[in-house]
Protein backbone atom coordinates (compact mmCIF):
# COMPACT_ATOMS: atom_id res chain seq x y z
CA MET A 1 113.00 64.14 157.50
CA ASN A 2 113.58 59.86 157.89
CA ASP A 3 114.91 60.04 154.06
CA LEU A 4 117.76 62.87 155.16
CA LYS A 5 118.30 60.95 157.80
CA ALA A 6 119.11 58.42 156.03
CA LEU A 7 120.60 59.97 153.61
CA ARG A 8 123.23 61.44 156.56
CA THR A 9 123.72 57.85 158.25
CA PHE A 10 124.71 56.71 154.73
CA LEU A 11 126.88 59.44 154.31
CA LEU A 12 128.60 58.80 157.97
CA ALA A 13 129.17 55.38 157.29
CA THR A 14 130.91 56.46 154.02
CA GLU A 15 133.35 57.97 156.32
CA LYS A 16 133.71 55.14 159.03
CA ARG A 17 133.27 51.93 157.59
CA SER A 18 131.82 50.53 160.82
CA PHE A 19 127.77 50.72 161.80
CA ALA A 20 128.99 50.31 164.98
CA GLN A 21 131.02 53.78 165.38
CA VAL A 22 128.23 54.91 163.31
CA ALA A 23 126.16 54.48 165.97
CA ARG A 24 127.72 55.16 167.88
CA GLU A 25 128.47 58.66 166.40
CA MET A 26 124.58 59.56 166.58
CA ASP A 27 124.03 58.10 170.23
CA THR A 28 121.82 55.35 168.15
CA THR A 29 122.77 50.94 167.80
CA PRO A 30 124.21 49.23 165.16
CA ALA A 31 120.67 47.93 164.38
CA SER A 32 119.34 50.78 163.51
CA VAL A 33 121.88 52.00 161.60
CA THR A 34 122.02 48.48 159.93
CA ARG A 35 118.34 48.61 159.13
CA THR A 36 118.31 52.43 157.82
CA ILE A 37 121.38 51.29 155.24
CA ALA A 38 118.90 48.29 154.37
CA ALA A 39 116.17 50.56 154.50
CA LEU A 40 118.12 53.30 151.41
CA GLU A 41 119.31 49.90 149.54
CA ASP A 42 115.87 49.00 149.29
CA GLN A 43 114.59 52.87 148.33
CA VAL A 44 117.85 53.15 145.82
CA GLY A 45 117.20 49.43 144.38
CA ALA A 46 121.22 48.81 144.73
CA GLN A 47 124.03 47.07 147.40
CA LEU A 48 125.46 50.38 149.09
CA PHE A 49 128.04 48.66 151.15
CA VAL A 50 129.55 45.00 151.44
CA ARG A 51 129.85 43.91 155.21
CA THR A 52 132.17 41.98 156.79
CA THR A 53 132.20 41.36 160.52
CA ARG A 54 135.42 43.53 160.81
CA GLN A 55 133.90 46.50 159.07
CA VAL A 56 132.03 48.25 155.61
CA SER A 57 133.05 48.87 152.40
CA LEU A 58 131.31 51.11 149.92
CA THR A 59 130.42 49.00 146.54
CA THR A 60 130.69 50.67 143.30
CA ASP A 61 127.21 52.12 143.18
CA GLY A 62 128.03 53.23 146.75
CA ALA A 63 130.61 54.63 145.63
CA VAL A 64 129.16 56.90 142.99
CA PHE A 65 125.56 57.74 144.91
CA ALA A 66 127.56 58.68 148.03
CA ALA A 67 129.82 61.35 145.01
CA ARG A 68 126.57 62.61 143.76
CA ILE A 69 124.78 62.93 147.30
CA ALA A 70 127.18 64.43 149.58
CA PRO A 71 127.77 68.22 147.67
CA ALA A 72 123.47 68.42 147.80
CA ILE A 73 123.90 67.31 151.50
CA ARG A 74 126.88 69.89 152.41
CA ALA A 75 124.40 72.70 150.22
CA LEU A 76 121.73 71.72 152.37
CA ASP A 77 123.85 71.73 155.65
CA GLU A 78 125.46 75.50 154.89
CA ALA A 79 121.47 77.05 153.51
CA ARG A 80 120.50 75.82 157.02
CA ALA A 81 122.80 77.47 159.04
CA ASP A 82 123.00 80.60 156.23
CA LEU A 83 119.21 80.80 157.61
CA ARG A 84 120.22 80.26 161.54
CA ASN A 85 123.01 82.84 161.32
CA ALA A 86 120.04 85.65 159.39
CA ARG A 87 118.06 85.26 162.64
CA LYS A 88 120.26 86.47 164.70
CA ALA A 89 120.67 90.00 165.28
CA ASP A 90 124.90 89.65 165.66
CA GLU A 91 125.87 87.02 162.62
CA GLY A 92 125.30 86.51 159.40
CA ARG A 93 125.67 88.47 155.65
CA LEU A 94 124.40 91.83 154.69
CA ARG A 95 124.21 93.48 151.60
CA ILE A 96 123.69 96.90 150.76
CA ASN A 97 123.04 99.20 148.40
CA ALA A 98 123.83 102.98 148.75
CA PRO A 99 123.71 105.97 146.46
CA MET A 100 127.37 106.62 144.95
CA SER A 101 128.23 109.69 146.82
CA LEU A 102 127.07 108.90 150.56
CA GLY A 103 129.03 105.51 149.77
CA GLN A 104 131.83 107.76 149.54
CA ARG A 105 132.03 110.18 151.47
CA VAL A 106 129.51 109.23 154.87
CA LEU A 107 129.25 105.47 154.69
CA PRO A 108 133.18 104.43 155.17
CA GLN A 109 132.92 105.61 158.65
CA ILE A 110 129.35 104.26 159.56
CA LEU A 111 130.72 100.37 158.41
CA CYS A 112 133.52 101.00 160.04
CA GLY A 113 131.92 101.60 163.66
CA PHE A 114 128.90 98.84 162.98
CA ARG A 115 131.67 96.52 162.54
CA ASP A 116 133.74 97.64 165.61
CA LEU A 117 130.73 96.77 167.31
CA TYR A 118 129.71 93.94 165.55
CA PRO A 119 132.35 92.15 163.90
CA ARG A 120 130.13 88.60 162.59
CA ILE A 121 128.41 90.20 160.64
CA ASP A 122 130.13 90.46 157.45
CA VAL A 123 128.76 93.93 154.83
CA GLU A 124 128.73 93.95 151.01
CA ILE A 125 128.35 97.36 149.54
CA ALA A 126 127.23 98.08 146.09
CA LEU A 127 127.15 102.03 145.12
CA ASN A 128 125.16 103.38 142.44
CA ASP A 129 122.43 106.13 142.37
CA GLN A 130 119.83 103.95 140.32
CA LEU A 131 116.55 102.46 141.33
CA LEU A 132 117.05 99.03 141.91
CA ASP A 133 114.71 96.10 142.17
CA MET A 134 116.16 95.27 145.74
CA VAL A 135 114.45 91.37 145.23
CA GLU A 136 115.28 90.41 141.90
CA GLU A 137 119.44 91.73 142.63
CA ASN A 138 119.46 90.41 146.36
CA TYR A 139 120.18 93.56 148.90
CA ASP A 140 118.86 93.42 151.80
CA LEU A 141 118.56 97.08 152.45
CA ALA A 142 118.90 100.20 150.46
CA ILE A 143 119.79 103.51 150.83
CA ARG A 144 118.94 106.53 149.04
CA ILE A 145 118.32 110.14 149.13
CA SER A 146 115.06 110.67 147.53
CA GLY A 147 111.26 112.81 147.96
CA PRO A 148 108.95 110.72 150.16
CA PRO A 149 108.08 107.17 149.30
CA SER A 150 105.26 107.37 146.85
CA ASP A 151 104.27 103.80 147.17
CA LYS A 152 102.17 103.09 149.99
CA PHE A 153 103.01 99.15 149.71
CA THR A 154 106.98 99.71 149.25
CA ILE A 155 108.55 99.29 153.19
CA TRP A 156 110.53 102.20 153.43
CA ARG A 157 112.32 103.78 157.14
CA LYS A 158 112.72 108.08 156.92
CA ILE A 159 116.03 108.57 158.76
CA CYS A 160 116.58 112.45 158.44
CA GLU A 161 116.05 115.53 155.81
CA ILE A 162 118.48 116.54 153.81
CA ARG A 163 118.95 120.26 152.55
CA ARG A 164 120.13 121.37 149.39
CA LEU A 165 121.72 124.60 148.32
CA LEU A 166 121.32 126.05 144.79
CA VAL A 167 125.35 126.43 143.99
CA ALA A 168 127.25 128.10 141.47
CA ALA A 169 130.64 129.07 140.72
CA PRO A 170 131.71 132.76 142.23
CA GLY A 171 132.93 134.42 139.19
CA SER A 172 129.76 132.99 137.22
CA PRO A 173 126.74 135.43 135.64
CA TRP A 174 124.62 133.44 137.23
CA VAL A 175 125.68 134.48 141.28
CA ALA A 176 123.92 137.75 140.45
CA ALA A 177 120.78 135.92 140.02
CA ARG A 178 117.94 137.60 142.48
CA HIS A 179 114.50 135.05 141.34
CA PRO A 180 114.77 131.97 139.35
CA ASN A 181 113.62 133.11 136.41
CA ASP A 182 117.17 134.69 136.36
CA LEU A 183 118.37 131.21 135.32
CA PRO A 184 118.62 129.97 131.46
CA ALA A 185 117.47 126.73 131.53
CA ASP A 186 120.80 126.14 130.10
CA ALA A 187 122.64 126.96 132.34
CA CYS A 188 120.45 124.80 135.28
CA LEU A 189 122.50 121.52 135.04
CA GLY A 190 120.09 118.32 135.71
CA TYR A 191 120.11 115.37 137.69
CA SER A 192 118.52 112.27 136.54
CA GLY A 193 119.26 108.69 136.59
CA GLU A 194 118.67 108.36 132.91
CA SER A 195 119.62 111.60 131.48
CA ARG A 196 116.32 113.19 131.61
CA ARG A 197 115.28 116.95 132.58
CA GLU A 198 114.90 117.68 135.93
CA SER A 199 112.19 119.78 137.44
CA TRP A 200 113.05 122.42 139.96
CA VAL A 201 110.64 123.45 142.51
CA LEU A 202 111.77 126.93 144.44
CA ALA A 203 109.92 127.99 146.75
CA ASN A 204 109.60 131.98 148.47
CA GLY A 205 107.29 131.97 151.15
CA GLY A 206 104.04 131.58 149.53
CA VAL A 207 104.96 131.97 146.18
CA SER A 208 106.70 129.29 144.08
CA VAL A 209 108.28 128.72 140.79
CA THR A 210 109.59 125.58 138.79
CA LEU A 211 112.62 125.81 136.34
CA SER A 212 113.90 123.33 134.14
CA ALA A 213 117.49 121.32 134.51
CA GLY A 214 119.05 119.46 132.28
CA ARG A 215 118.22 120.57 128.92
CA ALA A 216 121.81 120.96 127.95
CA VAL A 217 123.66 118.96 130.71
CA SER A 218 122.60 116.55 132.94
CA ALA A 219 124.32 114.07 134.83
CA ASN A 220 124.10 110.58 137.36
CA ASN A 221 126.31 111.36 139.32
CA GLY A 222 125.79 114.16 141.71
CA GLU A 223 129.77 114.66 142.38
CA VAL A 224 129.78 115.51 138.78
CA LEU A 225 127.59 118.19 138.78
CA ALA A 226 129.15 120.15 141.59
CA HIS A 227 132.34 119.90 140.00
CA LEU A 228 130.63 121.01 136.50
CA ALA A 229 129.08 124.15 138.69
CA ALA A 230 132.27 124.69 140.44
CA ASP A 231 134.19 125.07 136.94
CA GLY A 232 131.41 127.52 136.07
CA ALA A 233 129.36 125.07 133.93
CA GLY A 234 126.16 126.46 135.44
CA VAL A 235 123.81 125.86 138.25
CA ALA A 236 123.87 123.03 140.49
CA LEU A 237 121.08 121.93 143.11
CA LEU A 238 122.40 119.30 145.14
CA PRO A 239 122.87 118.41 148.86
CA VAL A 240 124.85 120.15 150.87
CA PHE A 241 126.86 117.13 151.87
CA ILE A 242 128.37 117.17 148.24
CA VAL A 243 129.51 120.88 147.84
CA ALA A 244 130.03 121.37 151.41
CA GLU A 245 133.88 121.17 151.01
CA GLN A 246 133.68 123.43 147.53
CA LEU A 247 132.23 125.52 149.60
CA ARG A 248 134.42 125.81 152.56
CA THR A 249 137.35 126.40 149.42
CA GLY A 250 135.16 129.05 147.96
CA ARG A 251 135.15 126.72 144.40
CA LEU A 252 131.41 127.17 145.07
CA VAL A 253 128.94 129.64 147.07
CA PRO A 254 124.85 129.66 146.98
CA ILE A 255 123.27 131.76 144.88
CA LEU A 256 119.68 132.49 145.96
CA PRO A 257 118.88 131.45 149.58
CA ASP A 258 115.18 132.56 149.45
CA TRP A 259 114.34 130.51 147.18
CA GLN A 260 113.97 127.29 149.02
CA PRO A 261 113.82 123.47 147.01
CA PRO A 262 112.17 120.63 149.16
CA GLN A 263 113.83 118.91 151.48
CA LEU A 264 115.17 115.37 150.47
CA TRP A 265 114.68 112.55 152.58
CA LEU A 266 117.61 109.88 153.57
CA THR A 267 115.31 106.65 153.53
CA LEU A 268 115.96 103.06 153.86
CA PHE A 269 114.39 100.66 151.77
CA TYR A 270 113.67 97.14 152.14
CA PRO A 271 112.54 94.27 150.85
CA PRO A 272 108.69 93.01 150.89
CA TYR A 273 109.50 91.35 154.69
CA GLN A 274 106.76 90.41 156.83
CA LYS A 275 109.50 91.56 159.53
CA LEU A 276 112.61 92.71 159.36
CA PRO A 277 115.65 89.92 159.97
CA PRO A 278 117.65 90.49 163.50
CA ARG A 279 121.00 91.66 161.65
CA ILE A 280 119.00 93.83 158.94
CA ALA A 281 117.09 96.05 162.19
CA THR A 282 120.28 96.11 163.80
CA PHE A 283 121.92 97.89 161.32
CA SER A 284 119.37 100.39 160.16
CA ASP A 285 118.49 101.21 164.21
CA PHE A 286 122.99 101.64 164.08
CA PHE A 287 122.70 103.78 160.24
CA GLU A 288 119.96 105.76 162.45
CA ARG A 289 122.01 106.27 165.24
CA GLN A 290 124.97 107.60 163.76
CA ILE A 291 123.95 109.03 160.30
CA PRO A 292 122.25 113.02 161.15
CA ALA A 293 125.61 113.64 163.04
CA LEU A 294 127.86 112.72 160.62
CA VAL A 295 125.47 114.40 157.48
CA SER A 296 125.92 117.25 159.44
CA ALA A 297 129.47 117.60 160.32
CA ILE A 298 130.01 117.14 156.39
CA GLU A 299 127.96 120.36 156.27
């Protein structure tokens, strides 16, 4: 840190052109500033200032040296400021990754309310339904709708359960189904982040049936599947908040209501922090308070 102090003293001297003024601003003596600059010159092996009784001025070497180190010192100051802000509960930057459908339908209301309360926290949102490496992609938090996390090393926080329904267009032949086995495999629209088949586990009392979905049609977005089902392309198994509007307007209807899929979790995932930074904890607490009511209102 002594080297850093010397560099800061040097840069201030290039601006003030007076060791005495530098001394006043740094709350030290002109002699101390002179010694610091002299030691720096010895260290770099070049004269940095031409000194007169009235002022100091940069040498050519001094000007080149100042131009090289000034951006680095500024970057260091900015990094330190960012780190200090990151430790504050109401200030800093927050990078969030969220599912496409939830991000479009629910997240705007939450973010507006959050920004009203915490205007000094800047928020950056990226929407996609894919799994991601939070550390590599530099996210502070990821919102996901999935089954219970199975990786015991993952840091996560369950917020609430997300209800799902089997739905189809009202005029489609699958509305008359009485048992999951009445649904042809080609009619089951699969959700898959990698366009692979999806397994539907449906339970009725103590009996469960597993169907393979996505053999004929699969997509990596719930909105697309909802529209396909509403247009008569097949049966979809989706969160209620995605299909709520089509259910209200009659474009979709629930089918096989006695056969229930496992409920999904709405979960917050974090990088491997030893302790959540305050701004991330602040958003997490706010999100947990707001999201259940918003999801219920949509449903």
